[in-house]
Amino acid sequence: MTLRILLLGGLLLALPCLANAKSVFIDHDYSVDCETLNTTECTVKSNKAIKSVRVELLSRQGHNRSGFVKKEYEGCPTEVSVGFDASPKAKLFIQTCDGSSGVKVIGL
């Protein structure tokens, strides 16, 4: 009985981690190359036309959002650049002109 309670308790503690892992979908149609000095500058390349990139800055633990930047692009290019304050971890939400989207995670 004690073992069963410990297993259930462990599963309940692990659920938030499992939910976070599933919510991060990395699409291989996008590549992200970043350089960090005083700020972080990322170049996003895609085989699809890019409409916007939203950067969600994360805390050092990677769980809490500490800010975000959103940039929209005219003409739907396939290569764009987005800059933001230096952050050790971030999620980039990429939306294309055909309505599809993808997520890239950096620093995790």
C-alpha atoms as a PDB file:
ATOM      1  CA  MET A   1       0.000   0.000   0.000  1.00  0.00           C
ATOM      2  CA  THR A   2       2.810   2.429   0.865  1.00  0.00           C
ATOM      3  CA  LEU A   3       4.542   1.661  -2.422  1.00  0.00           C
ATOM      4  CA  ARG A   4       1.330   2.404  -4.336  1.00  0.00           C
ATOM      5  CA  ILE A   5       0.970   5.777  -2.592  1.00  0.00           C
ATOM      6  CA  LEU A   6       4.598   6.649  -3.353  1.00  0.00           C
ATOM      7  CA  LEU A   7       4.138   5.757  -7.030  1.00  0.00           C
ATOM      8  CA  LEU A   8       0.959   7.845  -7.318  1.00  0.00           C
ATOM      9  CA  GLY A   9       2.647  10.750  -5.532  1.00  0.00           C
ATOM     10  CA  GLY A  10       5.613  10.536  -7.907  1.00  0.00           C
ATOM     11  CA  LEU A  11       3.297  10.546 -10.929  1.00  0.00           C
ATOM     12  CA  LEU A  12       1.450  13.600  -9.642  1.00  0.00           C
ATOM     13  CA  LEU A  13       4.737  15.429  -9.137  1.00  0.00           C
ATOM     14  CA  ALA A  14       5.918  14.475 -12.631  1.00  0.00           C
ATOM     15  CA  LEU A  15       2.743  15.611 -14.444  1.00  0.00           C
ATOM     16  CA  PRO A  16       3.751  19.298 -14.779  1.00  0.00           C
ATOM     17  CA  CYS A  17       7.099  18.246 -16.271  1.00  0.00           C
ATOM     18  CA  LEU A  18       5.385  15.926 -18.732  1.00  0.00           C
ATOM     19  CA  ALA A  19       2.946  18.671 -19.755  1.00  0.00           C
ATOM     20  CA  ASN A  20       5.835  21.080 -20.397  1.00  0.00           C
ATOM     21  CA  ALA A  21       7.723  18.517 -22.459  1.00  0.00           C
ATOM     22  CA  LYS A  22       4.715  17.839 -24.681  1.00  0.00           C
ATOM     23  CA  SER A  23       3.985  21.539 -25.245  1.00  0.00           C
ATOM     24  CA  VAL A  24       7.411  22.077 -26.837  1.00  0.00           C
ATOM     25  CA  PHE A  25       7.103  21.002 -30.474  1.00  0.00           C
ATOM     26  CA  ILE A  26      10.231  21.445 -32.546  1.00  0.00           C
ATOM     27  CA  ASP A  27       9.488  21.701 -36.253  1.00  0.00           C
ATOM     28  CA  HIS A  28      12.395  20.771 -38.514  1.00  0.00           C
ATOM     29  CA  ASP A  29      11.131  23.111 -41.279  1.00  0.00           C
ATOM     30  CA  TYR A  30      12.724  26.010 -39.387  1.00  0.00           C
ATOM     31  CA  SER A  31      16.306  26.730 -38.400  1.00  0.00           C
ATOM     32  CA  VAL A  32      17.374  29.291 -35.820  1.00  0.00           C
ATOM     33  CA  ASP A  33      20.898  30.641 -35.428  1.00  0.00           C
ATOM     34  CA  CYS A  34      21.528  33.021 -32.517  1.00  0.00           C
ATOM     35  CA  GLU A  35      24.426  35.166 -31.329  1.00  0.00           C
ATOM     36  CA  THR A  36      24.506  36.719 -27.870  1.00  0.00           C
ATOM     37  CA  LEU A  37      26.604  39.701 -26.809  1.00  0.00           C
ATOM     38  CA  ASN A  38      24.752  42.441 -24.877  1.00  0.00           C
ATOM     39  CA  THR A  39      21.584  41.382 -26.705  1.00  0.00           C
ATOM     40  CA  THR A  40      20.568  38.222 -28.534  1.00  0.00           C
ATOM     41  CA  GLU A  41      20.122  38.363 -32.310  1.00  0.00           C
ATOM     42  CA  CYS A  42      18.504  35.346 -33.971  1.00  0.00           C
ATOM     43  CA  THR A  43      18.236  34.596 -37.671  1.00  0.00           C
ATOM     44  CA  VAL A  44      15.256  32.395 -38.514  1.00  0.00           C
ATOM     45  CA  LYS A  45      15.289  30.541 -41.832  1.00  0.00           C
ATOM     46  CA  SER A  46      12.427  28.536 -43.281  1.00  0.00           C
ATOM     47  CA  ASN A  47      11.418  26.805 -46.477  1.00  0.00           C
ATOM     48  CA  LYS A  48       8.068  28.593 -45.963  1.00  0.00           C
ATOM     49  CA  ALA A  49       7.338  32.329 -46.050  1.00  0.00           C
ATOM     50  CA  ILE A  50       7.489  33.820 -42.526  1.00  0.00           C
ATOM     51  CA  LYS A  51       4.730  36.156 -41.309  1.00  0.00           C
ATOM     52  CA  SER A  52       5.819  36.737 -37.695  1.00  0.00           C
ATOM     53  CA  VAL A  53       8.117  35.578 -34.910  1.00  0.00           C
ATOM     54  CA  ARG A  54       7.171  35.857 -31.247  1.00  0.00           C
ATOM     55  CA  VAL A  55       9.976  35.317 -28.745  1.00  0.00           C
ATOM     56  CA  GLU A  56       8.977  34.248 -25.239  1.00  0.00           C
ATOM     57  CA  LEU A  57      11.828  34.864 -22.794  1.00  0.00           C
ATOM     58  CA  LEU A  58      12.069  32.266 -20.042  1.00  0.00           C
ATOM     59  CA  SER A  59      13.518  32.290 -16.550  1.00  0.00           C
ATOM     60  CA  ARG A  60      16.763  30.454 -15.851  1.00  0.00           C
ATOM     61  CA  GLN A  61      14.755  27.412 -14.763  1.00  0.00           C
ATOM     62  CA  GLY A  62      12.905  27.515 -18.099  1.00  0.00           C
ATOM     63  CA  HIS A  63       9.403  27.395 -16.614  1.00  0.00           C
ATOM     64  CA  ASN A  64       8.327  31.012 -16.048  1.00  0.00           C
ATOM     65  CA  ARG A  65       7.908  33.588 -18.770  1.00  0.00           C
ATOM     66  CA  SER A  66       9.894  36.742 -18.072  1.00  0.00           C
ATOM     67  CA  GLY A  67       8.830  38.748 -21.139  1.00  0.00           C
ATOM     68  CA  PHE A  68       8.252  38.540 -24.858  1.00  0.00           C
ATOM     69  CA  VAL A  69       8.978  40.229 -28.182  1.00  0.00           C
ATOM     70  CA  LYS A  70       6.833  39.947 -31.310  1.00  0.00           C
ATOM     71  CA  LYS A  71       7.939  41.021 -34.764  1.00  0.00           C
ATOM     72  CA  GLU A  72       5.787  41.006 -37.934  1.00  0.00           C
ATOM     73  CA  TYR A  73       7.354  40.936 -41.407  1.00  0.00           C
ATOM     74  CA  GLU A  74       6.126  42.536 -44.641  1.00  0.00           C
ATOM     75  CA  GLY A  75       6.313  40.563 -47.868  1.00  0.00           C
ATOM     76  CA  CYS A  76       6.605  37.139 -46.207  1.00  0.00           C
ATOM     77  CA  PRO A  77      10.394  36.523 -46.457  1.00  0.00           C
ATOM     78  CA  THR A  78      11.980  33.101 -45.873  1.00  0.00           C
ATOM     79  CA  GLU A  79      14.807  34.510 -43.720  1.00  0.00           C
ATOM     80  CA  VAL A  80      14.251  37.036 -40.934  1.00  0.00           C
ATOM     81  CA  SER A  81      16.117  38.464 -37.972  1.00  0.00           C
ATOM     82  CA  VAL A  82      14.768  39.198 -34.501  1.00  0.00           C
ATOM     83  CA  GLY A  83      16.635  40.760 -31.593  1.00  0.00           C
ATOM     84  CA  PHE A  84      15.865  40.774 -27.883  1.00  0.00           C
ATOM     85  CA  ASP A  85      17.528  41.349 -24.499  1.00  0.00           C
ATOM     86  CA  ALA A  86      20.052  38.663 -23.677  1.00  0.00           C
ATOM     87  CA  SER A  87      18.225  35.737 -22.122  1.00  0.00           C
ATOM     88  CA  PRO A  88      19.625  32.288 -21.364  1.00  0.00           C
ATOM     89  CA  LYS A  89      16.459  30.550 -22.570  1.00  0.00           C
ATOM     90  CA  ALA A  90      13.704  31.415 -25.035  1.00  0.00           C
ATOM     91  CA  LYS A  91      10.948  29.911 -27.173  1.00  0.00           C
ATOM     92  CA  LEU A  92      10.492  31.250 -30.692  1.00  0.00           C
ATOM     93  CA  PHE A  93       6.968  30.877 -32.084  1.00  0.00           C
ATOM     94  CA  ILE A  94       7.158  31.129 -35.873  1.00  0.00           C
ATOM     95  CA  GLN A  95       4.012  31.779 -37.937  1.00  0.00           C
ATOM     96  CA  THR A  96       4.079  31.446 -41.719  1.00  0.00           C
ATOM     97  CA  CYS A  97       2.012  33.235 -44.334  1.00  0.00           C
ATOM     98  CA  ASP A  98       0.145  30.002 -45.183  1.00  0.00           C
ATOM     99  CA  GLY A  99      -1.121  29.748 -41.580  1.00  0.00           C
ATOM    100  CA  SER A 100       1.201  27.003 -40.342  1.00  0.00           C
ATOM    101  CA  SER A 101       3.407  27.503 -37.315  1.00  0.00           C
ATOM    102  CA  GLY A 102       6.315  26.000 -35.426  1.00  0.00           C
ATOM    103  CA  VAL A 103       8.234  26.404 -32.200  1.00  0.00           C
ATOM    104  CA  LYS A 104      11.990  26.460 -31.699  1.00  0.00           C
ATOM    105  CA  VAL A 105      13.531  26.432 -28.237  1.00  0.00           C
ATOM    106  CA  ILE A 106      16.968  27.924 -27.587  1.00  0.00           C
ATOM    107  CA  GLY A 107      19.118  27.583 -24.486  1.00  0.00           C
ATOM    108  CA  LEU A 108      17.312  24.620 -22.890  1.00  0.00           C
END
